[in-house]
PDB file of N, CA and C in Angstrom:
ATOM      1  N   MET A   1      54.181 128.832  90.995  1.00  0.00           N
ATOM      2  CA  MET A   1      53.842 129.673  89.223  1.00  0.00           C
ATOM      3  C   MET A   1      53.615 130.660  88.955  1.00  0.00           C
ATOM      4  N   SER A   2      54.165 131.619  88.271  1.00  0.00           N
ATOM      5  CA  SER A   2      53.322 133.138  88.158  1.00  0.00           C
ATOM      6  C   SER A   2      52.018 133.494  87.630  1.00  0.00           C
ATOM      7  N   THR A   3      51.241 133.945  88.721  1.00  0.00           N
ATOM      8  CA  THR A   3      49.729 133.770  87.040  1.00  0.00           C
ATOM      9  C   THR A   3      50.130 134.686  86.547  1.00  0.00           C
ATOM     10  N   LEU A   4      51.212 136.514  86.125  1.00  0.00           N
ATOM     11  CA  LEU A   4      52.173 136.881  85.630  1.00  0.00           C
ATOM     12  C   LEU A   4      52.823 136.410  84.470  1.00  0.00           C
ATOM     13  N   SER A   5      52.669 137.537  82.977  1.00  0.00           N
ATOM     14  CA  SER A   5      53.155 136.762  82.032  1.00  0.00           C
ATOM     15  C   SER A   5      54.660 137.239  81.990  1.00  0.00           C
ATOM     16  N   ARG A   6      55.563 136.935  81.393  1.00  0.00           N
ATOM     17  CA  ARG A   6      57.257 136.854  81.480  1.00  0.00           C
ATOM     18  C   ARG A   6      56.992 139.136  80.847  1.00  0.00           C
ATOM     19  N   ARG A   7      56.257 139.538  80.756  1.00  0.00           N
ATOM     20  CA  ARG A   7      55.837 140.903  79.578  1.00  0.00           C
ATOM     21  C   ARG A   7      55.984 141.872  81.272  1.00  0.00           C
ATOM     22  N   GLU A   8      54.903 140.976  81.767  1.00  0.00           N
ATOM     23  CA  GLU A   8      54.081 142.162  83.161  1.00  0.00           C
ATOM     24  C   GLU A   8      55.401 141.788  83.786  1.00  0.00           C
ATOM     25  N   LEU A   9      55.357 140.707  84.285  1.00  0.00           N
ATOM     26  CA  LEU A   9      57.027 139.960  85.636  1.00  0.00           C
ATOM     27  C   LEU A   9      58.114 141.188  85.007  1.00  0.00           C
ATOM     28  N   ALA A  10      58.298 141.143  84.034  1.00  0.00           N
ATOM     29  CA  ALA A  10      59.919 142.191  83.240  1.00  0.00           C
ATOM     30  C   ALA A  10      59.262 144.141  83.717  1.00  0.00           C
ATOM     31  N   ALA A  11      57.545 144.422  83.532  1.00  0.00           N
ATOM     32  CA  ALA A  11      57.440 145.496  83.639  1.00  0.00           C
ATOM     33  C   ALA A  11      57.157 146.024  85.250  1.00  0.00           C
ATOM     34  N   LEU A  12      57.017 145.028  85.801  1.00  0.00           N
ATOM     35  CA  LEU A  12      57.027 145.626  86.738  1.00  0.00           C
ATOM     36  C   LEU A  12      58.378 145.452  87.674  1.00  0.00           C
ATOM     37  N   VAL A  13      59.515 144.936  86.716  1.00  0.00           N
ATOM     38  CA  VAL A  13      60.862 145.161  87.668  1.00  0.00           C
ATOM     39  C   VAL A  13      61.314 146.534  86.596  1.00  0.00           C
ATOM     40  N   GLU A  14      60.600 146.327  86.156  1.00  0.00           N
ATOM     41  CA  GLU A  14      60.982 147.956  85.145  1.00  0.00           C
ATOM     42  C   GLU A  14      60.349 149.099  85.983  1.00  0.00           C
ATOM     43  N   GLU A  15      59.437 149.754  85.850  1.00  0.00           N
ATOM     44  CA  GLU A  15      59.374 150.291  87.393  1.00  0.00           C
ATOM     45  C   GLU A  15      59.464 150.486  88.671  1.00  0.00           C
ATOM     46  N   ALA A  16      59.838 148.898  88.916  1.00  0.00           N
ATOM     47  CA  ALA A  16      61.177 149.690  90.473  1.00  0.00           C
ATOM     48  C   ALA A  16      62.076 150.049  90.306  1.00  0.00           C
ATOM     49  N   THR A  17      62.439 149.294  88.742  1.00  0.00           N
ATOM     50  CA  THR A  17      64.355 149.933  88.571  1.00  0.00           C
ATOM     51  C   THR A  17      64.454 151.340  87.598  1.00  0.00           C
ATOM     52  N   VAL A  18      63.997 151.861  87.444  1.00  0.00           N
ATOM     53  CA  VAL A  18      63.668 153.226  86.333  1.00  0.00           C
ATOM     54  C   VAL A  18      64.336 153.519  86.355  1.00  0.00           C
ATOM     55  N   ASP A  19      64.850 154.095  88.076  1.00  0.00           N
ATOM     56  CA  ASP A  19      65.342 155.000  88.049  1.00  0.00           C
ATOM     57  C   ASP A  19      66.857 154.925  88.765  1.00  0.00           C
ATOM     58  N   THR A  20      67.151 153.671  88.686  1.00  0.00           N
ATOM     59  CA  THR A  20      68.714 152.896  89.303  1.00  0.00           C
ATOM     60  C   THR A  20      70.279 152.405  87.906  1.00  0.00           C
ATOM     61  N   TYR A  21      70.807 152.499  88.654  1.00  0.00           N
ATOM     62  CA  TYR A  21      72.252 152.669  87.915  1.00  0.00           C
ATOM     63  C   TYR A  21      73.333 151.685  87.910  1.00  0.00           C
ATOM     64  N   ASP A  22      73.232 151.221  88.828  1.00  0.00           N
ATOM     65  CA  ASP A  22      73.864 149.385  88.743  1.00  0.00           C
ATOM     66  C   ASP A  22      73.008 148.793  89.410  1.00  0.00           C
ATOM     67  N   GLU A  23      72.929 147.555  90.351  1.00  0.00           N
ATOM     68  CA  GLU A  23      73.029 145.872  90.766  1.00  0.00           C
ATOM     69  C   GLU A  23      72.642 146.461  91.708  1.00  0.00           C
ATOM     70  N   HIS A  24      73.284 147.338  92.459  1.00  0.00           N
ATOM     71  CA  HIS A  24      73.406 147.787  94.208  1.00  0.00           C
ATOM     72  C   HIS A  24      71.576 148.014  94.425  1.00  0.00           C
ATOM     73  N   GLU A  25      71.588 149.579  93.103  1.00  0.00           N
ATOM     74  CA  GLU A  25      70.333 150.289  92.953  1.00  0.00           C
ATOM     75  C   GLU A  25      69.122 149.547  92.925  1.00  0.00           C
ATOM     76  N   GLU A  26      69.597 148.620  92.330  1.00  0.00           N
ATOM     77  CA  GLU A  26      67.837 147.887  90.996  1.00  0.00           C
ATOM     78  C   GLU A  26      67.842 146.684  92.947  1.00  0.00           C
ATOM     79  N   MET A  27      68.448 146.226  93.047  1.00  0.00           N
ATOM     80  CA  MET A  27      67.948 145.787  94.578  1.00  0.00           C
ATOM     81  C   MET A  27      67.917 146.323  95.539  1.00  0.00           C
ATOM     82  N   SER A  28      68.026 147.503  95.477  1.00  0.00           N
ATOM     83  CA  SER A  28      67.160 147.763  96.535  1.00  0.00           C
ATOM     84  C   SER A  28      66.741 148.482  96.223  1.00  0.00           C
ATOM     85  N   ALA A  29      66.394 149.032  95.132  1.00  0.00           N
ATOM     86  CA  ALA A  29      64.885 149.115  94.276  1.00  0.00           C
ATOM     87  C   ALA A  29      63.329 148.196  94.491  1.00  0.00           C
ATOM     88  N   LEU A  30      64.494 146.890  93.995  1.00  0.00           N
ATOM     89  CA  LEU A  30      62.932 146.245  94.103  1.00  0.00           C
ATOM     90  C   LEU A  30      63.019 145.647  95.894  1.00  0.00           C
ATOM     91  N   PHE A  31      63.600 145.956  96.820  1.00  0.00           N
ATOM     92  CA  PHE A  31      63.359 145.446  97.552  1.00  0.00           C
ATOM     93  C   PHE A  31      62.162 146.305  98.181  1.00  0.00           C
ATOM     94  N   ALA A  32      62.661 147.237  97.924  1.00  0.00           N
ATOM     95  CA  ALA A  32      61.214 148.659  98.176  1.00  0.00           C
ATOM     96  C   ALA A  32      60.239 148.233  97.932  1.00  0.00           C
ATOM     97  N   ALA A  33      59.782 147.732  96.765  1.00  0.00           N
ATOM     98  CA  ALA A  33      58.626 147.528  95.997  1.00  0.00           C
ATOM     99  C   ALA A  33      58.084 146.428  96.619  1.00  0.00           C
ATOM    100  N   VAL A  34      58.966 145.796  97.044  1.00  0.00           N
ATOM    101  CA  VAL A  34      58.411 144.444  98.042  1.00  0.00           C
ATOM    102  C   VAL A  34      57.863 145.273  98.819  1.00  0.00           C
ATOM    103  N   GLU A  35      58.548 145.224 100.378  1.00  0.00           N
ATOM    104  CA  GLU A  35      58.714 145.706 101.391  1.00  0.00           C
ATOM    105  C   GLU A  35      56.928 146.532 101.044  1.00  0.00           C
ATOM    106  N   GLU A  36      56.786 147.606 100.197  1.00  0.00           N
ATOM    107  CA  GLU A  36      56.135 148.342 100.452  1.00  0.00           C
ATOM    108  C   GLU A  36      54.490 147.651  99.942  1.00  0.00           C
ATOM    109  N   HIS A  37      54.258 147.015  99.229  1.00  0.00           N
ATOM    110  CA  HIS A  37      53.694 146.067  98.560  1.00  0.00           C
ATOM    111  C   HIS A  37      52.877 144.769  99.270  1.00  0.00           C
ATOM    112  N   LEU A  38      53.963 144.341  99.468  1.00  0.00           N
ATOM    113  CA  LEU A  38      53.785 142.853 100.368  1.00  0.00           C
ATOM    114  C   LEU A  38      53.270 142.710 101.102  1.00  0.00           C
ATOM    115  N   ALA A  39      51.838 141.641 101.498  1.00  0.00           N
ATOM    116  CA  ALA A  39      51.063 142.585 102.123  1.00  0.00           C
ATOM    117  C   ALA A  39      51.376 141.504 103.483  1.00  0.00           C
ATOM    118  N   VAL A  40      52.399 141.616 104.722  1.00  0.00           N
ATOM    119  CA  VAL A  40      52.209 140.785 105.717  1.00  0.00           C
ATOM    120  C   VAL A  40      51.694 141.027 107.029  1.00  0.00           C
ATOM    121  N   PRO A  41      51.349 140.196 108.327  1.00  0.00           N
ATOM    122  CA  PRO A  41      52.038 138.653 107.804  1.00  0.00           C
ATOM    123  C   PRO A  41      51.593 137.539 107.363  1.00  0.00           C
ATOM    124  N   PHE A  42      51.274 137.351 106.652  1.00  0.00           N
ATOM    125  CA  PHE A  42      50.865 135.661 106.218  1.00  0.00           C
ATOM    126  C   PHE A  42      51.956 134.405 106.524  1.00  0.00           C
ATOM    127  N   SER A  43      50.492 133.087 106.260  1.00  0.00           N
ATOM    128  CA  SER A  43      51.471 131.779 106.809  1.00  0.00           C
ATOM    129  C   SER A  43      52.458 130.946 105.303  1.00  0.00           C
ATOM    130  N   THR A  44      53.084 130.811 105.284  1.00  0.00           N
ATOM    131  CA  THR A  44      53.975 129.432 104.804  1.00  0.00           C
ATOM    132  C   THR A  44      53.988 128.386 104.983  1.00  0.00           C
ATOM    133  N   THR A  45      54.656 127.302 104.634  1.00  0.00           N
ATOM    134  CA  THR A  45      55.021 126.384 104.654  1.00  0.00           C
ATOM    135  C   THR A  45      56.240 126.153 104.337  1.00  0.00           C
ATOM    136  N   VAL A  46      57.159 125.775 104.952  1.00  0.00           N
ATOM    137  CA  VAL A  46      58.718 125.855 105.009  1.00  0.00           C
ATOM    138  C   VAL A  46      59.204 123.981 105.172  1.00  0.00           C
ATOM    139  N   LEU A  47      59.291 123.586 104.333  1.00  0.00           N
ATOM    140  CA  LEU A  47      59.955 122.128 104.879  1.00  0.00           C
ATOM    141  C   LEU A  47      59.086 121.159 105.765  1.00  0.00           C
ATOM    142  N   GLY A  48      57.591 121.993 105.548  1.00  0.00           N
ATOM    143  CA  GLY A  48      56.711 120.822 106.438  1.00  0.00           C
ATOM    144  C   GLY A  48      56.325 121.887 108.052  1.00  0.00           C
ATOM    145  N   VAL A  49      56.993 122.661 107.837  1.00  0.00           N
ATOM    146  CA  VAL A  49      56.108 123.434 109.235  1.00  0.00           C
ATOM    147  C   VAL A  49      55.822 124.569 109.081  1.00  0.00           C
ATOM    148  N   GLU A  50      54.522 125.071 109.444  1.00  0.00           N
ATOM    149  CA  GLU A  50      54.274 125.795 109.135  1.00  0.00           C
ATOM    150  C   GLU A  50      54.929 127.048 109.623  1.00  0.00           C
ATOM    151  N   VAL A  51      55.042 128.058 108.851  1.00  0.00           N
ATOM    152  CA  VAL A  51      55.699 129.588 109.606  1.00  0.00           C
ATOM    153  C   VAL A  51      54.628 131.208 109.081  1.00  0.00           C
ATOM    154  N   THR A  52      54.796 131.930 109.419  1.00  0.00           N
ATOM    155  CA  THR A  52      54.646 133.388 110.308  1.00  0.00           C
ATOM    156  C   THR A  52      55.667 133.641 109.015  1.00  0.00           C
ATOM    157  N   VAL A  53      55.308 134.150 108.272  1.00  0.00           N
ATOM    158  CA  VAL A  53      56.170 135.125 107.609  1.00  0.00           C
ATOM    159  C   VAL A  53      55.537 136.904 107.780  1.00  0.00           C
ATOM    160  N   ARG A  54      56.876 138.079 108.870  1.00  0.00           N
ATOM    161  CA  ARG A  54      56.193 138.708 109.534  1.00  0.00           C
ATOM    162  C   ARG A  54      57.062 140.287 108.156  1.00  0.00           C
ATOM    163  N   GLY A  55      57.289 139.810 107.852  1.00  0.00           N
ATOM    164  CA  GLY A  55      57.932 140.859 106.919  1.00  0.00           C
ATOM    165  C   GLY A  55      59.429 140.548 106.067  1.00  0.00           C
ATOM    166  N   VAL A  56      60.166 141.919 105.027  1.00  0.00           N
ATOM    167  CA  VAL A  56      61.308 141.478 104.948  1.00  0.00           C
ATOM    168  C   VAL A  56      62.237 142.085 104.733  1.00  0.00           C
ATOM    169  N   ASP A  57      63.610 142.028 104.488  1.00  0.00           N
ATOM    170  CA  ASP A  57      65.110 142.656 105.157  1.00  0.00           C
ATOM    171  C   ASP A  57      66.083 141.759 103.819  1.00  0.00           C
ATOM    172  N   LEU A  58      66.924 142.824 103.769  1.00  0.00           N
ATOM    173  CA  LEU A  58      67.533 143.098 102.912  1.00  0.00           C
ATOM    174  C   LEU A  58      69.068 142.494 103.549  1.00  0.00           C
ATOM    175  N   SER A  59      69.807 140.627 103.324  1.00  0.00           N
ATOM    176  CA  SER A  59      70.709 140.042 103.642  1.00  0.00           C
ATOM    177  C   SER A  59      71.660 140.709 104.050  1.00  0.00           C
ATOM    178  N   GLN A  60      72.826 140.412 104.451  1.00  0.00           N
ATOM    179  CA  GLN A  60      74.464 141.396 104.579  1.00  0.00           C
ATOM    180  C   GLN A  60      74.771 141.047 103.075  1.00  0.00           C
ATOM    181  N   GLU A  61      74.301 139.802 101.904  1.00  0.00           N
ATOM    182  CA  GLU A  61      74.526 139.682 100.610  1.00  0.00           C
ATOM    183  C   GLU A  61      74.162 139.964  99.602  1.00  0.00           C
ATOM    184  N   GLY A  62      73.135 141.527 100.044  1.00  0.00           N
ATOM    185  CA  GLY A  62      72.460 142.166  99.575  1.00  0.00           C
ATOM    186  C   GLY A  62      71.199 141.133  99.051  1.00  0.00           C
ATOM    187  N   ARG A  63      70.494 140.420  98.580  1.00  0.00           N
ATOM    188  CA  ARG A  63      69.164 139.384  98.676  1.00  0.00           C
ATOM    189  C   ARG A  63      67.696 139.697  99.430  1.00  0.00           C
ATOM    190  N   ILE A  64      66.681 139.707  99.073  1.00  0.00           N
ATOM    191  CA  ILE A  64      66.055 139.520  99.995  1.00  0.00           C
ATOM    192  C   ILE A  64      65.630 138.383 100.429  1.00  0.00           C
ATOM    193  N   VAL A  65      65.004 139.278 101.381  1.00  0.00           N
ATOM    194  CA  VAL A  65      65.173 137.916 102.340  1.00  0.00           C
ATOM    195  C   VAL A  65      63.909 137.668 103.801  1.00  0.00           C
ATOM    196  N   ALA A  66      63.062 136.507 103.499  1.00  0.00           N
ATOM    197  CA  ALA A  66      61.492 136.704 104.235  1.00  0.00           C
ATOM    198  C   ALA A  66      61.883 136.434 105.788  1.00  0.00           C
ATOM    199  N   LEU A  67      61.472 137.092 106.891  1.00  0.00           N
ATOM    200  CA  LEU A  67      61.741 137.221 108.178  1.00  0.00           C
ATOM    201  C   LEU A  67      60.666 136.150 108.580  1.00  0.00           C
ATOM    202  N   CYS A  68      60.878 134.856 108.711  1.00  0.00           N
ATOM    203  CA  CYS A  68      59.794 133.806 109.753  1.00  0.00           C
ATOM    204  C   CYS A  68      60.366 133.634 111.350  1.00  0.00           C
ATOM    205  N   THR A  69      58.917 133.748 111.507  1.00  0.00           N
ATOM    206  CA  THR A  69      58.829 132.932 113.454  1.00  0.00           C
ATOM    207  C   THR A  69      58.060 132.129 113.079  1.00  0.00           C
ATOM    208  N   ARG A  70      57.915 131.415 114.199  1.00  0.00           N
ATOM    209  CA  ARG A  70      57.524 130.576 115.053  1.00  0.00           C
ATOM    210  C   ARG A  70      57.641 129.300 116.227  1.00  0.00           C
ATOM    211  N   SER A  71      56.463 129.597 117.519  1.00  0.00           N
ATOM    212  CA  SER A  71      56.596 129.385 118.655  1.00  0.00           C
ATOM    213  C   SER A  71      58.436 130.465 118.785  1.00  0.00           C
ATOM    214  N   GLY A  72      58.057 131.455 118.864  1.00  0.00           N
ATOM    215  CA  GLY A  72      58.709 131.934 119.438  1.00  0.00           C
ATOM    216  C   GLY A  72      60.538 132.529 118.313  1.00  0.00           C
ATOM    217  N   PHE A  73      60.217 131.372 118.012  1.00  0.00           N
ATOM    218  CA  PHE A  73      62.249 131.589 116.916  1.00  0.00           C
ATOM    219  C   PHE A  73      61.561 132.020 115.555  1.00  0.00           C
ATOM    220  N   ARG A  74      63.183 132.994 115.171  1.00  0.00           N
ATOM    221  CA  ARG A  74      63.238 133.439 113.898  1.00  0.00           C
ATOM    222  C   ARG A  74      64.833 133.059 113.429  1.00  0.00           C
ATOM    223  N   GLN A  75      64.052 132.782 111.640  1.00  0.00           N
ATOM    224  CA  GLN A  75      64.576 132.468 110.861  1.00  0.00           C
ATOM    225  C   GLN A  75      64.545 133.427 109.492  1.00  0.00           C
ATOM    226  N   THR A  76      65.560 133.827 108.625  1.00  0.00           N
ATOM    227  CA  THR A  76      65.143 134.594 107.898  1.00  0.00           C
ATOM    228  C   THR A  76      65.550 133.287 106.723  1.00  0.00           C
ATOM    229  N   ILE A  77      64.741 133.451 105.472  1.00  0.00           N
ATOM    230  CA  ILE A  77      64.769 132.476 104.582  1.00  0.00           C
ATOM    231  C   ILE A  77      64.855 133.436 103.548  1.00  0.00           C
ATOM    232  N   GLY A  78      65.322 132.561 101.636  1.00  0.00           N
ATOM    233  CA  GLY A  78      65.588 133.926 101.176  1.00  0.00           C
ATOM    234  C   GLY A  78      64.310 133.842 100.492  1.00  0.00           C
ATOM    235  N   LEU A  79      64.374 134.715  99.609  1.00  0.00           N
ATOM    236  CA  LEU A  79      63.291 135.137  99.164  1.00  0.00           C
ATOM    237  C   LEU A  79      62.595 134.129  97.665  1.00  0.00           C
ATOM    238  N   LEU A  80      63.565 133.632  97.207  1.00  0.00           N
ATOM    239  CA  LEU A  80      63.680 133.281  95.910  1.00  0.00           C
ATOM    240  C   LEU A  80      63.192 132.043  96.348  1.00  0.00           C
ATOM    241  N   ASP A  81      63.212 131.365  97.786  1.00  0.00           N
ATOM    242  CA  ASP A  81      63.287 129.813  98.201  1.00  0.00           C
ATOM    243  C   ASP A  81      61.614 129.885  99.087  1.00  0.00           C
ATOM    244  N   LEU A  82      61.309 131.106  98.786  1.00  0.00           N
ATOM    245  CA  LEU A  82      60.122 130.537 100.008  1.00  0.00           C
ATOM    246  C   LEU A  82      58.595 130.263  99.093  1.00  0.00           C
ATOM    247  N   PRO A  83      58.340 129.660  99.953  1.00  0.00           N
ATOM    248  CA  PRO A  83      57.266 128.747  98.592  1.00  0.00           C
ATOM    249  C   PRO A  83      56.044 130.005  99.278  1.00  0.00           C
ATOM    250  N   LEU A  84      55.198 130.432  98.408  1.00  0.00           N
ATOM    251  CA  LEU A  84      53.930 131.385  98.410  1.00  0.00           C
ATOM    252  C   LEU A  84      53.044 130.122  98.975  1.00  0.00           C
ATOM    253  N   PRO A  85      52.251 130.741  99.695  1.00  0.00           N
ATOM    254  CA  PRO A  85      50.631 130.091  99.567  1.00  0.00           C
ATOM    255  C   PRO A  85      49.278 130.113  98.873  1.00  0.00           C
ATOM    256  N   ASP A  86      49.023 129.272  99.141  1.00  0.00           N
ATOM    257  CA  ASP A  86      47.994 129.165  98.259  1.00  0.00           C
ATOM    258  C   ASP A  86      46.169 129.533  98.990  1.00  0.00           C
ATOM    259  N   PRO A  87      45.974 130.768  98.870  1.00  0.00           N
ATOM    260  CA  PRO A  87      45.618 131.707  97.911  1.00  0.00           C
ATOM    261  C   PRO A  87      47.507 132.596  98.531  1.00  0.00           C
ATOM    262  N   ALA A  88      47.783 132.994  97.459  1.00  0.00           N
ATOM    263  CA  ALA A  88      48.882 134.047  98.136  1.00  0.00           C
ATOM    264  C   ALA A  88      48.950 135.543  98.790  1.00  0.00           C
ATOM    265  N   PRO A  89      49.613 136.369  98.740  1.00  0.00           N
ATOM    266  CA  PRO A  89      49.242 137.456  99.863  1.00  0.00           C
ATOM    267  C   PRO A  89      49.061 138.489  99.099  1.00  0.00           C
ATOM    268  N   ASP A  90      48.533 139.094  99.182  1.00  0.00           N
ATOM    269  CA  ASP A  90      48.684 140.817  98.563  1.00  0.00           C
ATOM    270  C   ASP A  90      49.890 140.925  98.344  1.00  0.00           C
ATOM    271  N   GLY A  91      50.512 141.296  96.799  1.00  0.00           N
ATOM    272  CA  GLY A  91      51.301 141.910  96.896  1.00  0.00           C
ATOM    273  C   GLY A  91      52.238 141.047  96.263  1.00  0.00           C
ATOM    274  N   ALA A  92      52.030 139.858  96.074  1.00  0.00           N
ATOM    275  CA  ALA A  92      53.393 138.377  95.680  1.00  0.00           C
ATOM    276  C   ALA A  92      53.584 138.806  94.220  1.00  0.00           C
ATOM    277  N   GLU A  93      53.077 139.021  93.576  1.00  0.00           N
ATOM    278  CA  GLU A  93      52.706 139.393  92.103  1.00  0.00           C
ATOM    279  C   GLU A  93      54.744 140.305  92.476  1.00  0.00           C
ATOM    280  N   TRP A  94      55.402 140.944  93.018  1.00  0.00           N
ATOM    281  CA  TRP A  94      56.946 141.807  93.081  1.00  0.00           C
ATOM    282  C   TRP A  94      57.425 140.693  93.516  1.00  0.00           C
ATOM    283  N   VAL A  95      57.365 139.898  94.543  1.00  0.00           N
ATOM    284  CA  VAL A  95      57.951 138.793  95.185  1.00  0.00           C
ATOM    285  C   VAL A  95      58.556 137.571  93.481  1.00  0.00           C
ATOM    286  N   GLU A  96      57.110 137.467  93.036  1.00  0.00           N
ATOM    287  CA  GLU A  96      57.420 136.890  91.616  1.00  0.00           C
ATOM    288  C   GLU A  96      58.182 138.259  90.687  1.00  0.00           C
ATOM    289  N   ALA A  97      58.116 138.948  90.766  1.00  0.00           N
ATOM    290  CA  ALA A  97      59.233 140.054  90.023  1.00  0.00           C
ATOM    291  C   ALA A  97      60.291 140.424  90.145  1.00  0.00           C
ATOM    292  N   TYR A  98      60.461 139.837  91.620  1.00  0.00           N
ATOM    293  CA  TYR A  98      61.981 139.521  91.957  1.00  0.00           C
ATOM    294  C   TYR A  98      62.520 138.500  91.714  1.00  0.00           C
ATOM    295  N   ARG A  99      62.150 136.880  91.839  1.00  0.00           N
ATOM    296  CA  ARG A  99      62.546 136.598  91.182  1.00  0.00           C
ATOM    297  C   ARG A  99      62.413 136.563  89.270  1.00  0.00           C
ATOM    298  N   TYR A 100      62.234 136.179  89.313  1.00  0.00           N
ATOM    299  CA  TYR A 100      61.931 137.379  87.690  1.00  0.00           C
ATOM    300  C   TYR A 100      63.783 137.442  87.351  1.00  0.00           C
ATOM    301  N   TYR A 101      63.394 139.158  88.307  1.00  0.00           N
ATOM    302  CA  TYR A 101      64.909 139.359  88.336  1.00  0.00           C
ATOM    303  C   TYR A 101      65.974 138.493  88.043  1.00  0.00           C
ATOM    304  N   TRP A 102      65.961 137.637  88.941  1.00  0.00           N
ATOM    305  CA  TRP A 102      66.900 137.006  89.615  1.00  0.00           C
ATOM    306  C   TRP A 102      67.226 135.947  88.652  1.00  0.00           C
ATOM    307  N   ALA A 103      66.429 135.243  88.003  1.00  0.00           N
ATOM    308  CA  ALA A 103      66.327 134.196  86.871  1.00  0.00           C
ATOM    309  C   ALA A 103      66.632 134.582  85.418  1.00  0.00           C
ATOM    310  N   GLN A 104      67.248 135.994  85.417  1.00  0.00           N
ATOM    311  CA  GLN A 104      67.469 136.707  83.924  1.00  0.00           C
ATOM    312  C   GLN A 104      69.528 136.775  83.415  1.00  0.00           C
TER     313      GLN A 104
END
């Protein structure tokens, strides 16, 4: 659950996408904001297994994914589905802003 209000999340989305012209550019701008601000690596639990989030990337479908590793294995997990740890890493507000953008 986000600690930011809808207004604060909307302001972050606006800050990231202010100079964009279409959804593709908006997604690229949001990706750049998440990539710049989210402190990685951090650990979280996915389906009961602890993984390390090493970074983020844009999938071929145009969604932001987390680059997760565990014991030498790598897997991408959609940022919309990634559980954030408590306490959340620095920059997690940008993950929440991305989620807010998709919920609209």
